[in-house]
Amino acid sequence: MTSSLEEAEATLFSDRKKDFSGALLDLHRAGGPRADAAVMGFVTRLSALDHLDDLYEPDLHGLAIRVAAELDPDRDVEPFRDLLEPRPPKNRLVRKVMSWGALAYPDTFPRSAWGYTRLRRLTPPPVERYTLRLGADSATVRVSAAMALGDTADPAALDPLADVLDDPSTDVRLHAVQSVRRLHHAAAASVLDGHPAEAGLVEALGDRRPQIRDAAVQTLMLWQRSELVHQAASTADAALAESLRHTLTRAVDPLPQTWPGDSTTL
């Protein structure tokens, strides 16, 4: 009888593109040297394809890199450098409307860049790499960089995220709050105590955008800092105080998955 590991290996070296994602996730669950070798073989295969090849998709390439990074975050990064060079999309209309940022920073945008956040031997390393992106003029680049920092699983990412909790862009502020929340999976609780990110979350409780206020409340709840929300409510106007206290009574909403195998959504 063929094992699921053998089936996944066979799928990745077939032409059944619709089954590639499932096979990669099966190998992620299986783990071990054999699964690692199969994933790296698939990375090599996709890296050798022309971007016009029907089997090539940045999403699949990015997922393969993420699974490889999950299996060994300290591995050599040389096999993954290919995706750091922008590959223009096949569709001419898509190329025309695609943002400059997505082409200029292919390691920063979600989906195709799933794995680079976890490859510790990148130069510059993930936290430094995405901190640099936070200085971009494009809000779209800054949003993606904030998301990437939350996905690094490195408590050091709290430092740059604290700096953009008051970004002019609503989307950047929201994703910065969510990324601070996600870092609680990186055992960063002791780092947050007295950290500028903590003060930034308290400031976000008064943000003009309700979704950012709610995200800040839920982040502080998960970080076991609900008393900071009560303190903010005690000095807020009646409407804001009621809103903050109501959010404290609600179940915490899950975050969007950063990749299909993401388990850091709560």
C-alpha atoms as a PDB file:
ATOM      1  CA  MET A   1       0.000   0.000   0.000  1.00  0.00           C
ATOM      2  CA  THR A   2       1.312   3.442  -0.914  1.00  0.00           C
ATOM      3  CA  SER A   3       1.900   5.713   2.075  1.00  0.00           C
ATOM      4  CA  SER A   4       0.719   9.316   2.200  1.00  0.00           C
ATOM      5  CA  LEU A   5       4.381  10.370   2.157  1.00  0.00           C
ATOM      6  CA  GLU A   6       4.986   8.410  -1.037  1.00  0.00           C
ATOM      7  CA  GLU A   7       1.825   9.865  -2.590  1.00  0.00           C
ATOM      8  CA  ALA A   8       2.942  13.394  -1.742  1.00  0.00           C
ATOM      9  CA  GLU A   9       6.382  12.747  -3.237  1.00  0.00           C
ATOM     10  CA  ALA A  10       4.854  11.394  -6.435  1.00  0.00           C
ATOM     11  CA  THR A  11       2.426  14.303  -6.704  1.00  0.00           C
ATOM     12  CA  LEU A  12       5.184  16.923  -6.506  1.00  0.00           C
ATOM     13  CA  PHE A  13       6.964  15.353  -9.445  1.00  0.00           C
ATOM     14  CA  SER A  14       3.819  14.982 -11.541  1.00  0.00           C
ATOM     15  CA  ASP A  15       1.957  17.575 -13.610  1.00  0.00           C
ATOM     16  CA  ARG A  16      -1.078  17.660 -11.278  1.00  0.00           C
ATOM     17  CA  LYS A  17      -0.672  21.310 -10.270  1.00  0.00           C
ATOM     18  CA  LYS A  18      -4.029  21.398  -8.478  1.00  0.00           C
ATOM     19  CA  ASP A  19      -2.702  18.773  -6.033  1.00  0.00           C
ATOM     20  CA  PHE A  20       0.643  20.421  -5.268  1.00  0.00           C
ATOM     21  CA  SER A  21      -0.552  22.500  -2.304  1.00  0.00           C
ATOM     22  CA  GLY A  22      -2.128  19.509  -0.580  1.00  0.00           C
ATOM     23  CA  ALA A  23       1.012  17.451  -1.104  1.00  0.00           C
ATOM     24  CA  LEU A  24       3.202  20.174   0.381  1.00  0.00           C
ATOM     25  CA  LEU A  25       0.970  20.418   3.445  1.00  0.00           C
ATOM     26  CA  ASP A  26       1.047  16.613   3.832  1.00  0.00           C
ATOM     27  CA  LEU A  27       4.852  16.750   3.837  1.00  0.00           C
ATOM     28  CA  HIS A  28       4.771  19.557   6.403  1.00  0.00           C
ATOM     29  CA  ARG A  29       2.666  17.385   8.691  1.00  0.00           C
ATOM     30  CA  ALA A  30       4.861  14.314   8.102  1.00  0.00           C
ATOM     31  CA  GLY A  31       8.191  16.017   8.735  1.00  0.00           C
ATOM     32  CA  GLY A  32      11.519  14.200   8.770  1.00  0.00           C
ATOM     33  CA  PRO A  33      14.430  13.945   6.303  1.00  0.00           C
ATOM     34  CA  ARG A  34      12.428  12.247   3.553  1.00  0.00           C
ATOM     35  CA  ALA A  35       9.707  14.911   3.580  1.00  0.00           C
ATOM     36  CA  ASP A  36      12.406  17.590   3.654  1.00  0.00           C
ATOM     37  CA  ALA A  37      14.135  16.098   0.602  1.00  0.00           C
ATOM     38  CA  ALA A  38      10.847  15.979  -1.326  1.00  0.00           C
ATOM     39  CA  VAL A  39      10.042  19.609  -0.546  1.00  0.00           C
ATOM     40  CA  MET A  40      13.515  20.772  -1.525  1.00  0.00           C
ATOM     41  CA  GLY A  41      13.288  18.791  -4.743  1.00  0.00           C
ATOM     42  CA  PHE A  42      10.061  20.629  -5.533  1.00  0.00           C
ATOM     43  CA  VAL A  43      11.672  24.004  -4.752  1.00  0.00           C
ATOM     44  CA  THR A  44      14.477  23.141  -7.168  1.00  0.00           C
ATOM     45  CA  ARG A  45      11.976  22.080  -9.790  1.00  0.00           C
ATOM     46  CA  LEU A  46       9.953  25.294  -9.620  1.00  0.00           C
ATOM     47  CA  SER A  47      13.049  27.477  -9.451  1.00  0.00           C
ATOM     48  CA  ALA A  48      14.205  26.030 -12.759  1.00  0.00           C
ATOM     49  CA  LEU A  49      10.930  26.804 -14.552  1.00  0.00           C
ATOM     50  CA  ASP A  50      10.400  29.820 -16.753  1.00  0.00           C
ATOM     51  CA  HIS A  51       7.681  32.125 -15.409  1.00  0.00           C
ATOM     52  CA  LEU A  52       5.685  31.390 -18.591  1.00  0.00           C
ATOM     53  CA  ASP A  53       5.615  27.667 -17.815  1.00  0.00           C
ATOM     54  CA  ASP A  54       2.094  26.502 -16.951  1.00  0.00           C
ATOM     55  CA  LEU A  55       3.349  24.684 -13.846  1.00  0.00           C
ATOM     56  CA  TYR A  56       4.949  27.790 -12.328  1.00  0.00           C
ATOM     57  CA  GLU A  57       2.983  29.831  -9.807  1.00  0.00           C
ATOM     58  CA  PRO A  58       4.501  32.192  -7.220  1.00  0.00           C
ATOM     59  CA  ASP A  59       1.944  30.975  -4.660  1.00  0.00           C
ATOM     60  CA  LEU A  60       3.145  27.395  -4.978  1.00  0.00           C
ATOM     61  CA  HIS A  61       6.774  28.453  -4.897  1.00  0.00           C
ATOM     62  CA  GLY A  62       6.105  30.531  -1.789  1.00  0.00           C
ATOM     63  CA  LEU A  63       4.253  27.682  -0.062  1.00  0.00           C
ATOM     64  CA  ALA A  64       7.119  25.275  -0.809  1.00  0.00           C
ATOM     65  CA  ILE A  65       9.606  27.720   0.692  1.00  0.00           C
ATOM     66  CA  ARG A  66       7.421  28.146   3.776  1.00  0.00           C
ATOM     67  CA  VAL A  67       7.160  24.390   4.329  1.00  0.00           C
ATOM     68  CA  ALA A  68      10.938  24.097   3.902  1.00  0.00           C
ATOM     69  CA  ALA A  69      11.451  26.930   6.411  1.00  0.00           C
ATOM     70  CA  GLU A  70       9.066  25.267   8.870  1.00  0.00           C
ATOM     71  CA  LEU A  71      10.969  21.997   8.568  1.00  0.00           C
ATOM     72  CA  ASP A  72      14.318  23.724   9.149  1.00  0.00           C
ATOM     73  CA  PRO A  73      14.429  27.526   9.687  1.00  0.00           C
ATOM     74  CA  ASP A  74      18.236  27.462   9.937  1.00  0.00           C
ATOM     75  CA  ARG A  75      18.849  25.841   6.564  1.00  0.00           C
ATOM     76  CA  ASP A  76      21.011  27.289   3.794  1.00  0.00           C
ATOM     77  CA  VAL A  77      19.025  29.992   1.959  1.00  0.00           C
ATOM     78  CA  GLU A  78      20.789  29.715  -1.395  1.00  0.00           C
ATOM     79  CA  PRO A  79      18.127  27.441  -2.969  1.00  0.00           C
ATOM     80  CA  PHE A  80      15.461  30.055  -2.203  1.00  0.00           C
ATOM     81  CA  ARG A  81      17.115  33.124  -3.694  1.00  0.00           C
ATOM     82  CA  ASP A  82      15.445  32.638  -7.070  1.00  0.00           C
ATOM     83  CA  LEU A  83      12.088  33.977  -5.879  1.00  0.00           C
ATOM     84  CA  LEU A  84      13.774  37.125  -4.601  1.00  0.00           C
ATOM     85  CA  GLU A  85      14.161  38.124  -8.242  1.00  0.00           C
ATOM     86  CA  PRO A  86      10.804  39.465  -9.504  1.00  0.00           C
ATOM     87  CA  ARG A  87       9.089  37.335 -12.125  1.00  0.00           C
ATOM     88  CA  PRO A  88       6.563  39.396 -14.080  1.00  0.00           C
ATOM     89  CA  PRO A  89       3.089  37.838 -14.246  1.00  0.00           C
ATOM     90  CA  LYS A  90       2.105  36.103 -17.474  1.00  0.00           C
ATOM     91  CA  ASN A  91      -0.991  38.219 -18.030  1.00  0.00           C
ATOM     92  CA  ARG A  92      -0.165  41.577 -19.632  1.00  0.00           C
ATOM     93  CA  LEU A  93      -3.107  43.340 -18.002  1.00  0.00           C
ATOM     94  CA  VAL A  94      -2.029  42.073 -14.571  1.00  0.00           C
ATOM     95  CA  ARG A  95       1.491  43.302 -15.265  1.00  0.00           C
ATOM     96  CA  LYS A  96       0.101  46.720 -16.149  1.00  0.00           C
ATOM     97  CA  VAL A  97      -1.949  47.167 -12.986  1.00  0.00           C
ATOM     98  CA  MET A  98       0.339  45.327 -10.570  1.00  0.00           C
ATOM     99  CA  SER A  99       1.745  47.676  -7.964  1.00  0.00           C
ATOM    100  CA  TRP A 100       5.344  48.789  -8.194  1.00  0.00           C
ATOM    101  CA  GLY A 101       5.847  47.595  -4.647  1.00  0.00           C
ATOM    102  CA  ALA A 102       4.921  43.994  -5.425  1.00  0.00           C
ATOM    103  CA  LEU A 103       7.494  43.937  -8.211  1.00  0.00           C
ATOM    104  CA  ALA A 104      10.167  45.801  -6.257  1.00  0.00           C
ATOM    105  CA  TYR A 105       9.803  43.742  -3.052  1.00  0.00           C
ATOM    106  CA  PRO A 106       8.866  40.175  -4.053  1.00  0.00           C
ATOM    107  CA  ASP A 107      10.055  38.874  -0.673  1.00  0.00           C
ATOM    108  CA  THR A 108       7.584  41.078   1.191  1.00  0.00           C
ATOM    109  CA  PHE A 109       4.178  40.369  -0.272  1.00  0.00           C
ATOM    110  CA  PRO A 110       1.964  37.617   1.134  1.00  0.00           C
ATOM    111  CA  ARG A 111       1.443  34.281  -0.619  1.00  0.00           C
ATOM    112  CA  SER A 112       4.474  34.274  -2.911  1.00  0.00           C
ATOM    113  CA  ALA A 113       6.697  35.313   0.042  1.00  0.00           C
ATOM    114  CA  TRP A 114       5.279  32.994   2.704  1.00  0.00           C
ATOM    115  CA  GLY A 115       8.613  31.445   3.678  1.00  0.00           C
ATOM    116  CA  TYR A 116      11.082  34.301   3.845  1.00  0.00           C
ATOM    117  CA  THR A 117       9.814  35.470   7.239  1.00  0.00           C
ATOM    118  CA  ARG A 118      11.126  32.260   8.846  1.00  0.00           C
ATOM    119  CA  LEU A 119      14.497  31.790   7.106  1.00  0.00           C
ATOM    120  CA  ARG A 120      16.875  32.893   9.847  1.00  0.00           C
ATOM    121  CA  ARG A 121      19.995  32.868   7.674  1.00  0.00           C
ATOM    122  CA  LEU A 122      18.741  35.420   5.172  1.00  0.00           C
ATOM    123  CA  THR A 123      20.910  38.490   4.645  1.00  0.00           C
ATOM    124  CA  PRO A 124      19.633  40.787   6.030  1.00  0.00           C
ATOM    125  CA  PRO A 125      17.716  38.534   8.470  1.00  0.00           C
ATOM    126  CA  PRO A 126      13.905  38.667   8.530  1.00  0.00           C
ATOM    127  CA  VAL A 127      13.294  41.300  11.220  1.00  0.00           C
ATOM    128  CA  GLU A 128      15.884  43.674   9.768  1.00  0.00           C
ATOM    129  CA  ARG A 129      14.690  42.986   6.217  1.00  0.00           C
ATOM    130  CA  TYR A 130      11.054  43.869   6.915  1.00  0.00           C
ATOM    131  CA  THR A 131      11.895  46.768   9.212  1.00  0.00           C
ATOM    132  CA  LEU A 132      13.546  48.427   6.215  1.00  0.00           C
ATOM    133  CA  ARG A 133      10.306  47.995   4.255  1.00  0.00           C
ATOM    134  CA  LEU A 134       8.378  49.952   6.889  1.00  0.00           C
ATOM    135  CA  GLY A 135      10.068  53.086   5.582  1.00  0.00           C
ATOM    136  CA  ALA A 136       8.579  52.720   2.096  1.00  0.00           C
ATOM    137  CA  ASP A 137       6.402  55.497   0.702  1.00  0.00           C
ATOM    138  CA  SER A 138       3.844  52.910  -0.433  1.00  0.00           C
ATOM    139  CA  ALA A 139       1.280  52.040   2.244  1.00  0.00           C
ATOM    140  CA  THR A 140       0.817  48.697   0.495  1.00  0.00           C
ATOM    141  CA  VAL A 141       4.481  47.847   1.065  1.00  0.00           C
ATOM    142  CA  ARG A 142       4.268  48.973   4.703  1.00  0.00           C
ATOM    143  CA  VAL A 143       1.147  46.839   5.283  1.00  0.00           C
ATOM    144  CA  SER A 144       2.871  43.750   3.921  1.00  0.00           C
ATOM    145  CA  ALA A 145       6.014  44.490   5.917  1.00  0.00           C
ATOM    146  CA  ALA A 146       3.978  44.809   9.117  1.00  0.00           C
ATOM    147  CA  MET A 147       2.278  41.495   8.365  1.00  0.00           C
ATOM    148  CA  ALA A 148       5.650  39.869   7.680  1.00  0.00           C
ATOM    149  CA  LEU A 149       7.120  41.107  10.966  1.00  0.00           C
ATOM    150  CA  GLY A 150       4.302  39.474  12.889  1.00  0.00           C
ATOM    151  CA  ASP A 151       5.013  36.243  11.048  1.00  0.00           C
ATOM    152  CA  THR A 152       8.716  36.114  11.943  1.00  0.00           C
ATOM    153  CA  ALA A 153       8.072  34.472  15.337  1.00  0.00           C
ATOM    154  CA  ASP A 154      10.854  36.729  16.637  1.00  0.00           C
ATOM    155  CA  PRO A 155      10.123  38.928  19.699  1.00  0.00           C
ATOM    156  CA  ALA A 156      12.603  41.471  18.286  1.00  0.00           C
ATOM    157  CA  ALA A 157       9.893  42.358  15.751  1.00  0.00           C
ATOM    158  CA  LEU A 158       8.057  44.208  18.533  1.00  0.00           C
ATOM    159  CA  ASP A 159      10.529  47.091  18.220  1.00  0.00           C
ATOM    160  CA  PRO A 160       9.742  48.067  14.605  1.00  0.00           C
ATOM    161  CA  LEU A 161       6.041  47.277  15.014  1.00  0.00           C
ATOM    162  CA  ALA A 162       5.840  49.724  17.918  1.00  0.00           C
ATOM    163  CA  ASP A 163       7.035  52.438  15.543  1.00  0.00           C
ATOM    164  CA  VAL A 164       4.132  51.958  13.108  1.00  0.00           C
ATOM    165  CA  LEU A 165       1.253  51.583  15.550  1.00  0.00           C
ATOM    166  CA  ASP A 166       0.573  55.258  14.807  1.00  0.00           C
ATOM    167  CA  ASP A 167       1.233  55.065  11.044  1.00  0.00           C
ATOM    168  CA  PRO A 168      -0.836  57.519   8.941  1.00  0.00           C
ATOM    169  CA  SER A 169      -2.370  54.567   7.071  1.00  0.00           C
ATOM    170  CA  THR A 170      -5.341  52.844   8.709  1.00  0.00           C
ATOM    171  CA  ASP A 171      -4.372  49.529   7.128  1.00  0.00           C
ATOM    172  CA  VAL A 172      -0.796  49.745   8.393  1.00  0.00           C
ATOM    173  CA  ARG A 173      -1.978  50.511  11.927  1.00  0.00           C
ATOM    174  CA  LEU A 174      -4.442  47.618  11.858  1.00  0.00           C
ATOM    175  CA  HIS A 175      -1.907  45.086  10.624  1.00  0.00           C
ATOM    176  CA  ALA A 176       0.706  46.344  13.070  1.00  0.00           C
ATOM    177  CA  VAL A 177      -1.716  45.718  15.960  1.00  0.00           C
ATOM    178  CA  GLN A 178      -2.535  42.268  14.592  1.00  0.00           C
ATOM    179  CA  SER A 179       1.146  41.440  14.209  1.00  0.00           C
ATOM    180  CA  VAL A 180       1.892  42.421  17.803  1.00  0.00           C
ATOM    181  CA  ARG A 181      -0.918  40.080  18.797  1.00  0.00           C
ATOM    182  CA  ARG A 182       0.469  37.258  16.661  1.00  0.00           C
ATOM    183  CA  LEU A 183       3.842  37.514  18.377  1.00  0.00           C
ATOM    184  CA  HIS A 184       2.369  36.177  21.595  1.00  0.00           C
ATOM    185  CA  HIS A 185       2.920  32.790  19.929  1.00  0.00           C
ATOM    186  CA  ALA A 186       6.639  33.600  19.985  1.00  0.00           C
ATOM    187  CA  ALA A 187       6.683  33.643  23.804  1.00  0.00           C
ATOM    188  CA  ALA A 188       7.208  37.405  23.792  1.00  0.00           C
ATOM    189  CA  ALA A 189       4.992  38.126  26.821  1.00  0.00           C
ATOM    190  CA  SER A 190       7.859  39.226  29.057  1.00  0.00           C
ATOM    191  CA  VAL A 191       9.176  41.507  26.316  1.00  0.00           C
ATOM    192  CA  LEU A 192       5.878  43.376  25.987  1.00  0.00           C
ATOM    193  CA  ASP A 193       5.822  44.412  29.643  1.00  0.00           C
ATOM    194  CA  GLY A 194       6.769  48.100  29.589  1.00  0.00           C
ATOM    195  CA  HIS A 195       7.707  47.909  25.909  1.00  0.00           C
ATOM    196  CA  PRO A 196       6.770  50.835  23.623  1.00  0.00           C
ATOM    197  CA  ALA A 197       4.464  48.429  21.774  1.00  0.00           C
ATOM    198  CA  GLU A 198       2.389  48.113  24.941  1.00  0.00           C
ATOM    199  CA  ALA A 199       1.992  51.897  25.126  1.00  0.00           C
ATOM    200  CA  GLY A 200       1.180  51.913  21.413  1.00  0.00           C
ATOM    201  CA  LEU A 201      -1.621  49.405  21.940  1.00  0.00           C
ATOM    202  CA  VAL A 202      -3.067  51.524  24.734  1.00  0.00           C
ATOM    203  CA  GLU A 203      -2.937  54.539  22.420  1.00  0.00           C
ATOM    204  CA  ALA A 204      -4.710  52.491  19.749  1.00  0.00           C
ATOM    205  CA  LEU A 205      -7.643  52.006  22.126  1.00  0.00           C
ATOM    206  CA  GLY A 206      -8.606  55.573  21.246  1.00  0.00           C
ATOM    207  CA  ASP A 207      -8.086  55.225  17.490  1.00  0.00           C
ATOM    208  CA  ARG A 208     -10.748  56.837  15.326  1.00  0.00           C
ATOM    209  CA  ARG A 209     -11.258  53.523  13.510  1.00  0.00           C
ATOM    210  CA  PRO A 210     -13.411  51.010  15.435  1.00  0.00           C
ATOM    211  CA  GLN A 211     -11.684  47.996  13.867  1.00  0.00           C
ATOM    212  CA  ILE A 212      -8.322  49.183  15.178  1.00  0.00           C
ATOM    213  CA  ARG A 213      -9.729  49.796  18.657  1.00  0.00           C
ATOM    214  CA  ASP A 214     -11.272  46.318  18.667  1.00  0.00           C
ATOM    215  CA  ALA A 215      -8.011  44.756  17.440  1.00  0.00           C
ATOM    216  CA  ALA A 216      -6.073  46.540  20.200  1.00  0.00           C
ATOM    217  CA  VAL A 217      -8.524  45.344  22.869  1.00  0.00           C
ATOM    218  CA  GLN A 218      -8.304  41.754  21.668  1.00  0.00           C
ATOM    219  CA  THR A 219      -4.519  41.923  21.500  1.00  0.00           C
ATOM    220  CA  LEU A 220      -4.298  43.166  25.082  1.00  0.00           C
ATOM    221  CA  MET A 221      -6.769  40.457  26.154  1.00  0.00           C
ATOM    222  CA  LEU A 222      -4.601  37.724  24.637  1.00  0.00           C
ATOM    223  CA  TRP A 223      -1.488  39.259  26.186  1.00  0.00           C
ATOM    224  CA  GLN A 224      -3.352  39.183  29.548  1.00  0.00           C
ATOM    225  CA  ARG A 225      -3.346  42.976  29.786  1.00  0.00           C
ATOM    226  CA  SER A 226      -7.108  43.497  30.059  1.00  0.00           C
ATOM    227  CA  GLU A 227      -6.557  45.812  33.025  1.00  0.00           C
ATOM    228  CA  LEU A 228      -5.038  48.335  30.609  1.00  0.00           C
ATOM    229  CA  VAL A 229      -8.309  48.368  28.672  1.00  0.00           C
ATOM    230  CA  HIS A 230     -10.278  48.960  31.887  1.00  0.00           C
ATOM    231  CA  GLN A 231      -7.916  51.806  32.794  1.00  0.00           C
ATOM    232  CA  ALA A 232      -8.378  53.402  29.357  1.00  0.00           C
ATOM    233  CA  ALA A 233     -12.162  53.034  29.616  1.00  0.00           C
ATOM    234  CA  SER A 234     -12.191  54.731  33.009  1.00  0.00           C
ATOM    235  CA  THR A 235     -10.873  57.977  31.489  1.00  0.00           C
ATOM    236  CA  ALA A 236     -12.603  57.805  28.089  1.00  0.00           C
ATOM    237  CA  ASP A 237     -15.868  59.457  27.101  1.00  0.00           C
ATOM    238  CA  ALA A 238     -19.016  57.435  27.685  1.00  0.00           C
ATOM    239  CA  ALA A 239     -19.403  56.102  24.129  1.00  0.00           C
ATOM    240  CA  LEU A 240     -15.780  54.972  23.831  1.00  0.00           C
ATOM    241  CA  ALA A 241     -15.786  53.474  27.312  1.00  0.00           C
ATOM    242  CA  GLU A 242     -18.879  51.417  26.507  1.00  0.00           C
ATOM    243  CA  SER A 243     -17.352  50.223  23.236  1.00  0.00           C
ATOM    244  CA  LEU A 244     -14.101  49.136  24.907  1.00  0.00           C
ATOM    245  CA  ARG A 245     -15.879  47.286  27.694  1.00  0.00           C
ATOM    246  CA  HIS A 246     -18.204  45.571  25.221  1.00  0.00           C
ATOM    247  CA  THR A 247     -15.253  44.306  23.167  1.00  0.00           C
ATOM    248  CA  LEU A 248     -13.787  42.797  26.331  1.00  0.00           C
ATOM    249  CA  THR A 249     -16.896  40.620  26.678  1.00  0.00           C
ATOM    250  CA  ARG A 250     -16.715  39.228  23.149  1.00  0.00           C
ATOM    251  CA  ALA A 251     -14.921  36.120  21.995  1.00  0.00           C
ATOM    252  CA  VAL A 252     -11.585  36.875  20.358  1.00  0.00           C
ATOM    253  CA  ASP A 253     -11.809  36.889  16.566  1.00  0.00           C
ATOM    254  CA  PRO A 254      -9.271  34.677  14.783  1.00  0.00           C
ATOM    255  CA  LEU A 255      -6.637  36.384  12.677  1.00  0.00           C
ATOM    256  CA  PRO A 256      -6.349  35.597   8.960  1.00  0.00           C
ATOM    257  CA  GLN A 257      -3.943  32.769   8.212  1.00  0.00           C
ATOM    258  CA  THR A 258      -0.554  33.930   6.962  1.00  0.00           C
ATOM    259  CA  TRP A 259      -0.198  30.634   5.045  1.00  0.00           C
ATOM    260  CA  PRO A 260      -2.367  27.505   4.691  1.00  0.00           C
ATOM    261  CA  GLY A 261      -0.670  25.703   7.585  1.00  0.00           C
ATOM    262  CA  ASP A 262      -0.736  28.674   9.952  1.00  0.00           C
ATOM    263  CA  SER A 263      -1.607  27.850  13.562  1.00  0.00           C
ATOM    264  CA  THR A 264      -1.058  31.361  15.012  1.00  0.00           C
ATOM    265  CA  THR A 265      -4.536  32.732  14.389  1.00  0.00           C
ATOM    266  CA  LEU A 266      -5.664  32.747  18.045  1.00  0.00           C
END
